[in-house]
Amino acid sequence: MPFEWTHKHLLGLEYLTAEEITHILDTAESLHEVSMRSIKKVPYLRGKVVVNLFFEPSTRTALSFKLAATRMSADVLDFSKATSSAAKGETLVDTAKNIEAMGIDIVVVRHPVPGAAHRLAEMLDASIVNAGDGAHEHPTQGLLDIFSIRRKLGKIEGLTVAIVGDIAHSRVARSNIWGLTKLGAQVICVGPPTLVPGALRDMGAEISYRLDDVLPECDVVNMLRIQQERQGALNFPSLREYSRLFGLNAERMKKAKPDVIIMHPGPMNRGVEITPDVADGNRSIILEQVTNGLATRMAVFYLVSGGAQDDSAVD
């Protein structure tokens, strides 16, 4: 019996079951080969309109969502806060309702306030896809990270995954923790005490303040950047000290498993949390993450839009 997807929105991995997350990953696997074709399009969103409603800067995520929608044959509108009525004081809900009145089917929203996507899901008839709300969640980044791990290592259950860096301000980390733990991975959050909240244990993660102690047992290391724009002031003495204790470099990599995979959601601060030789080395799958983001976001669009009556349509 085919799996029945019942969600109109994608607001966070916290709200999905392991079976639902796996179904998204399987759908993404079916759509992955679309990007390898000479004609890189499928008709699943033909006649649908997608708007990218971004209230924060973005390169990879915004372009990935736009390209994913285009490859699904949707019409795409891009919203810029700087040139919109939001710059004149219009509220998020009013902005979104006015755009929806033009005949929008899916709203992809990124906003600095946690819960913004949930608010739109309550107020709009369109499907809402959360592209990052404050430091709360970034579900499609979490999904593409998990998808990338599964494609590289063949499984999630039983793996040990370290998430290293500024976890206190990271929506990416939270989505990864929810998704990975539900699928049976051990997640260890690593960083200075000021950037690794103890409440992460309530999400199922372990905590360590020493990367060198954790590195030898990890199958995956996901490096995060220091989000100075969210901190206001550094929560540690200096970037040099942070890099010495928690930066991933060639010397530190000698302590890791020979088949460990290295990840980063971007943008990278080269020379701070990761050195160029590691970021561009043979254990890195950072660019594969970007590629896999297309298939993952195509899968999300397919599912929240109602998909097809028979899931074999994406086989």
Protein backbone atom coordinates (compact mmCIF):
# COMPACT_ATOMS: atom_id res chain seq x y z
CA MET A 1 0.00 0.00 0.00
CA PRO A 2 1.57 3.36 -1.02
CA PHE A 3 2.49 5.80 1.74
CA GLU A 4 -0.08 8.57 2.15
CA TRP A 5 1.40 12.05 2.66
CA THR A 6 -1.04 14.20 4.66
CA HIS A 7 0.80 17.49 5.25
CA LYS A 8 -0.10 20.68 3.41
CA HIS A 9 2.92 22.54 4.82
CA LEU A 10 6.54 21.86 5.76
CA LEU A 11 7.17 23.88 8.91
CA GLY A 12 9.82 21.83 10.72
CA LEU A 13 11.20 18.33 11.19
CA GLU A 14 10.09 18.43 14.82
CA TYR A 15 6.55 17.85 13.59
CA LEU A 16 7.27 14.89 11.29
CA THR A 17 7.55 11.19 12.09
CA ALA A 18 10.50 9.05 11.08
CA GLU A 19 8.30 7.45 8.42
CA GLU A 20 7.36 10.85 6.98
CA ILE A 21 10.98 12.01 6.88
CA THR A 22 11.99 8.77 5.17
CA HIS A 23 9.22 9.28 2.61
CA ILE A 24 10.61 12.72 1.73
CA LEU A 25 14.09 11.22 1.34
CA ASP A 26 12.76 8.41 -0.87
CA THR A 27 10.86 10.91 -3.01
CA ALA A 28 14.02 13.01 -3.33
CA GLU A 29 15.92 9.92 -4.44
CA SER A 30 13.36 9.38 -7.20
CA LEU A 31 13.71 12.99 -8.35
CA HIS A 32 17.51 13.18 -8.07
CA GLU A 33 18.11 11.98 -11.61
CA VAL A 34 16.07 14.85 -13.09
CA SER A 35 19.11 17.12 -12.71
CA MET A 36 21.19 14.61 -14.68
CA ARG A 37 18.93 14.69 -17.75
CA SER A 38 19.58 16.71 -20.89
CA ILE A 39 16.13 18.26 -20.39
CA LYS A 40 16.00 19.04 -16.69
CA LYS A 41 12.24 19.39 -16.20
CA VAL A 42 9.25 17.39 -15.01
CA PRO A 43 5.62 18.59 -15.17
CA TYR A 44 4.51 17.96 -11.58
CA LEU A 45 3.92 21.65 -10.71
CA ARG A 46 2.75 22.80 -14.12
CA GLY A 47 0.15 25.54 -13.62
CA LYS A 48 1.25 26.15 -10.00
CA VAL A 49 2.77 29.42 -8.78
CA VAL A 50 5.54 29.51 -6.14
CA VAL A 51 6.70 32.69 -4.41
CA ASN A 52 10.03 32.99 -2.60
CA LEU A 53 9.19 35.31 0.32
CA PHE A 54 12.63 36.04 1.77
CA PHE A 55 13.04 38.65 4.51
CA GLU A 56 16.71 37.70 5.11
CA PRO A 57 19.68 37.47 2.74
CA SER A 58 20.22 34.13 1.01
CA THR A 59 22.21 32.75 -1.89
CA ARG A 60 22.13 28.93 -1.90
CA THR A 61 18.68 28.47 -0.37
CA ALA A 62 16.91 31.09 -2.49
CA LEU A 63 18.49 29.90 -5.74
CA SER A 64 17.93 26.25 -4.85
CA PHE A 65 14.22 26.79 -4.16
CA LYS A 66 13.83 28.80 -7.37
CA LEU A 67 15.59 26.20 -9.49
CA ALA A 68 13.69 23.34 -7.82
CA ALA A 69 10.35 25.01 -8.58
CA THR A 70 11.42 25.76 -12.16
CA ARG A 71 12.47 22.15 -12.72
CA MET A 72 9.02 21.10 -11.53
CA SER A 73 7.55 23.43 -14.23
CA ALA A 74 6.10 25.96 -11.76
CA ASP A 75 5.94 29.70 -12.30
CA VAL A 76 8.17 31.45 -9.74
CA LEU A 77 7.97 34.91 -8.17
CA ASP A 78 10.86 36.36 -6.16
CA PHE A 79 10.18 38.79 -3.32
CA SER A 80 12.73 41.36 -2.16
CA LYS A 81 12.10 43.08 1.17
CA ALA A 82 14.23 46.08 0.20
CA THR A 83 12.01 46.94 -2.79
CA SER A 84 8.67 45.89 -1.27
CA SER A 85 5.99 47.52 0.86
CA ALA A 86 7.51 45.69 3.84
CA ALA A 87 10.20 48.37 3.76
CA LYS A 88 7.39 50.87 4.38
CA GLY A 89 6.07 49.04 7.42
CA GLU A 90 3.65 46.52 5.95
CA THR A 91 3.30 43.43 8.16
CA LEU A 92 4.39 39.94 7.14
CA VAL A 93 0.82 38.66 7.08
CA ASP A 94 -0.46 41.61 5.02
CA THR A 95 2.40 41.22 2.56
CA ALA A 96 1.74 37.49 2.23
CA LYS A 97 -2.04 37.90 1.90
CA ASN A 98 -1.64 40.47 -0.86
CA ILE A 99 0.72 38.18 -2.75
CA GLU A 100 -1.60 35.20 -2.24
CA ALA A 101 -4.46 37.23 -3.72
CA MET A 102 -2.57 37.11 -7.04
CA GLY A 103 -3.09 33.33 -7.19
CA ILE A 104 -0.18 31.78 -5.32
CA ASP A 105 -0.10 28.05 -4.53
CA ILE A 106 3.11 27.68 -2.48
CA VAL A 107 4.88 30.27 -0.31
CA VAL A 108 8.52 29.65 0.57
CA VAL A 109 9.26 31.93 3.52
CA ARG A 110 12.46 32.94 5.27
CA HIS A 111 12.09 35.33 8.18
CA PRO A 112 14.22 36.42 11.18
CA VAL A 113 11.38 35.78 13.67
CA PRO A 114 10.87 32.21 14.95
CA GLY A 115 7.36 31.00 14.20
CA ALA A 116 6.85 33.22 11.14
CA ALA A 117 6.16 30.22 8.90
CA HIS A 118 3.65 28.83 11.40
CA ARG A 119 1.83 32.18 11.45
CA LEU A 120 1.49 32.18 7.67
CA ALA A 121 0.24 28.59 7.74
CA GLU A 122 -2.56 29.76 10.04
CA MET A 123 -3.48 32.79 7.94
CA LEU A 124 -3.08 31.68 4.30
CA ASP A 125 -4.72 29.03 2.13
CA ALA A 126 -1.46 28.40 0.23
CA SER A 127 1.03 25.73 1.24
CA ILE A 128 3.87 27.12 3.37
CA VAL A 129 7.44 25.85 3.18
CA ASN A 130 9.73 27.10 5.94
CA ALA A 131 13.08 28.24 4.51
CA GLY A 132 14.34 29.29 7.94
CA ASP A 133 12.60 31.11 10.78
CA GLY A 134 15.01 32.82 13.16
CA ALA A 135 17.03 30.28 15.12
CA HIS A 136 14.10 27.84 15.18
CA GLU A 137 14.29 25.50 12.15
CA HIS A 138 15.47 25.20 8.56
CA PRO A 139 13.77 21.93 7.60
CA THR A 140 14.85 21.62 3.97
CA GLN A 141 18.50 22.13 4.95
CA GLY A 142 18.10 19.42 7.58
CA LEU A 143 16.50 17.14 4.99
CA LEU A 144 19.19 17.72 2.37
CA ASP A 145 21.91 17.11 4.95
CA ILE A 146 20.29 13.82 5.98
CA PHE A 147 19.70 12.90 2.34
CA SER A 148 23.38 13.59 1.58
CA ILE A 149 24.50 11.37 4.46
CA ARG A 150 22.20 8.54 3.39
CA ARG A 151 23.39 8.73 -0.23
CA LYS A 152 27.04 8.67 0.85
CA LEU A 153 26.93 6.11 3.67
CA GLY A 154 23.81 4.16 2.75
CA LYS A 155 22.03 4.60 6.07
CA ILE A 156 21.29 6.91 8.99
CA GLU A 157 20.49 4.52 11.80
CA GLY A 158 23.50 3.71 13.97
CA LEU A 159 25.69 6.56 12.71
CA THR A 160 27.40 9.07 15.00
CA VAL A 161 27.06 12.63 13.74
CA ALA A 162 28.85 15.60 15.28
CA ILE A 163 27.39 19.07 14.77
CA VAL A 164 30.14 21.56 15.59
CA GLY A 165 30.00 25.29 16.20
CA ASP A 166 27.44 27.98 16.89
CA ILE A 167 24.52 25.73 17.73
CA ALA A 168 22.80 28.25 19.99
CA HIS A 169 21.92 30.44 16.99
CA SER A 170 21.58 27.68 14.37
CA ARG A 171 18.24 26.69 12.87
CA VAL A 172 20.15 24.21 10.70
CA ALA A 173 21.42 22.39 13.79
CA ARG A 174 17.93 22.07 15.26
CA SER A 175 16.45 20.61 12.09
CA ASN A 176 19.36 18.17 11.83
CA ILE A 177 18.97 17.09 15.43
CA TRP A 178 15.24 16.43 15.08
CA GLY A 179 15.64 14.52 11.83
CA LEU A 180 18.75 12.51 12.62
CA THR A 181 17.64 11.38 16.07
CA LYS A 182 14.23 10.28 14.75
CA LEU A 183 16.01 8.15 12.15
CA GLY A 184 18.22 6.49 14.73
CA ALA A 185 21.50 8.42 14.60
CA GLN A 186 23.51 9.51 17.63
CA VAL A 187 23.98 13.29 17.50
CA ILE A 188 26.72 15.05 19.46
CA CYS A 189 26.66 18.84 19.63
CA VAL A 190 30.16 20.27 20.03
CA GLY A 191 31.33 23.79 20.78
CA PRO A 192 32.11 26.21 23.59
CA PRO A 193 29.60 26.16 26.49
CA THR A 194 28.31 29.62 25.50
CA LEU A 195 27.23 28.28 22.10
CA VAL A 196 25.91 24.83 23.05
CA PRO A 197 22.74 25.13 25.17
CA GLY A 198 22.07 22.35 27.67
CA ALA A 199 18.46 22.24 26.42
CA LEU A 200 19.70 20.37 23.34
CA ARG A 201 19.69 17.23 25.49
CA ASP A 202 15.90 17.51 25.61
CA MET A 203 15.92 17.12 21.81
CA GLY A 204 17.86 13.86 22.07
CA ALA A 205 21.36 15.19 21.43
CA GLU A 206 24.51 14.68 23.47
CA ILE A 207 26.82 17.57 24.32
CA SER A 208 30.60 17.87 24.28
CA TYR A 209 32.88 20.86 24.73
CA ARG A 210 35.96 19.16 23.26
CA LEU A 211 36.08 18.36 19.54
CA ASP A 212 39.26 16.32 19.90
CA ASP A 213 37.50 13.91 22.27
CA VAL A 214 34.55 13.38 19.94
CA LEU A 215 36.21 13.33 16.53
CA PRO A 216 37.57 9.74 16.60
CA GLU A 217 34.09 8.23 17.04
CA CYS A 218 32.26 10.25 14.39
CA ASP A 219 31.02 9.00 11.03
CA VAL A 220 29.92 12.50 10.01
CA VAL A 221 31.12 15.95 11.07
CA ASN A 222 28.86 18.87 10.17
CA MET A 223 30.65 22.19 10.68
CA LEU A 224 28.66 25.38 11.35
CA ARG A 225 29.81 28.96 10.98
CA ILE A 226 29.85 31.53 13.77
CA GLN A 227 26.73 33.64 13.23
CA GLN A 228 28.06 37.00 14.35
CA GLU A 229 25.01 38.76 12.87
CA ARG A 230 22.77 36.93 15.39
CA GLN A 231 25.09 37.16 18.39
CA GLY A 232 25.65 40.90 18.56
CA ALA A 233 28.91 40.19 20.40
CA LEU A 234 31.18 37.15 20.35
CA ASN A 235 30.44 34.52 22.99
CA PHE A 236 34.10 33.52 23.24
CA PRO A 237 37.40 35.43 23.57
CA SER A 238 38.45 35.52 19.91
CA LEU A 239 38.00 33.88 16.52
CA ARG A 240 41.61 32.70 16.72
CA GLU A 241 40.95 30.82 19.94
CA TYR A 242 37.72 29.39 18.56
CA SER A 243 39.55 28.14 15.47
CA ARG A 244 42.29 26.58 17.61
CA LEU A 245 39.81 24.64 19.75
CA PHE A 246 36.98 23.88 17.33
CA GLY A 247 38.26 24.51 13.81
CA LEU A 248 38.62 21.55 11.47
CA ASN A 249 42.04 21.45 9.85
CA ALA A 250 44.35 18.85 8.32
CA GLU A 251 46.14 18.17 11.60
CA ARG A 252 42.91 17.60 13.50
CA MET A 253 41.57 15.39 10.71
CA LYS A 254 44.30 12.86 11.57
CA LYS A 255 42.23 11.98 14.65
CA ALA A 256 39.12 11.22 12.60
CA LYS A 257 38.04 7.95 11.04
CA PRO A 258 39.57 7.50 7.57
CA ASP A 259 36.11 7.32 5.99
CA VAL A 260 34.52 10.23 7.91
CA ILE A 261 32.50 12.65 5.80
CA ILE A 262 32.70 16.41 6.30
CA MET A 263 29.72 18.70 5.77
CA HIS A 264 28.91 22.40 5.98
CA PRO A 265 25.58 24.13 5.25
CA GLY A 266 27.31 27.32 4.09
CA PRO A 267 28.29 30.02 3.89
CA MET A 268 31.73 28.99 5.10
CA ASN A 269 34.16 31.15 7.01
CA ARG A 270 37.30 29.55 5.62
CA GLY A 271 40.10 29.55 8.10
CA VAL A 272 37.76 29.90 11.09
CA GLU A 273 35.58 26.79 11.47
CA ILE A 274 37.17 24.93 8.55
CA THR A 275 40.37 25.27 6.54
CA PRO A 276 40.36 25.25 2.73
CA ASP A 277 42.26 21.95 2.51
CA VAL A 278 39.53 20.19 4.50
CA ALA A 279 36.61 22.01 2.86
CA ASP A 280 37.94 21.07 -0.58
CA GLY A 281 39.40 17.69 0.43
CA ASN A 282 38.37 14.19 -0.52
CA ARG A 283 36.27 13.65 2.64
CA SER A 284 34.17 16.74 2.01
CA ILE A 285 30.67 16.44 0.50
CA ILE A 286 29.87 20.16 0.77
CA LEU A 287 29.17 20.63 -2.94
CA GLU A 288 27.18 17.39 -3.00
CA GLN A 289 24.96 18.93 -0.33
CA VAL A 290 24.20 21.81 -2.70
CA THR A 291 23.37 19.39 -5.53
CA ASN A 292 21.20 17.26 -3.25
CA GLY A 293 19.34 20.33 -2.08
CA LEU A 294 17.62 20.54 -5.47
CA ALA A 295 16.20 17.02 -5.31
CA THR A 296 15.17 17.48 -1.68
CA ARG A 297 13.30 20.72 -2.35
CA MET A 298 11.70 19.26 -5.46
CA ALA A 299 10.43 16.42 -3.28
CA VAL A 300 9.00 18.87 -0.74
CA PHE A 301 7.23 20.85 -3.47
CA TYR A 302 5.84 17.64 -4.94
CA LEU A 303 4.48 16.43 -1.61
CA VAL A 304 2.99 19.66 -0.21
CA SER A 305 1.29 20.36 -3.54
CA GLY A 306 -0.55 17.04 -3.38
CA GLY A 307 1.83 14.97 -5.48
CA ALA A 308 0.30 12.38 -7.73
CA GLN A 309 -2.38 9.82 -6.98
CA ASP A 310 0.21 7.10 -7.43
CA ASP A 311 3.74 7.59 -6.04
CA SER A 312 5.09 5.49 -8.92
CA ALA A 313 4.77 8.74 -10.92
CA VAL A 314 8.14 9.79 -9.51
CA ASP A 315 9.88 6.44 -9.92
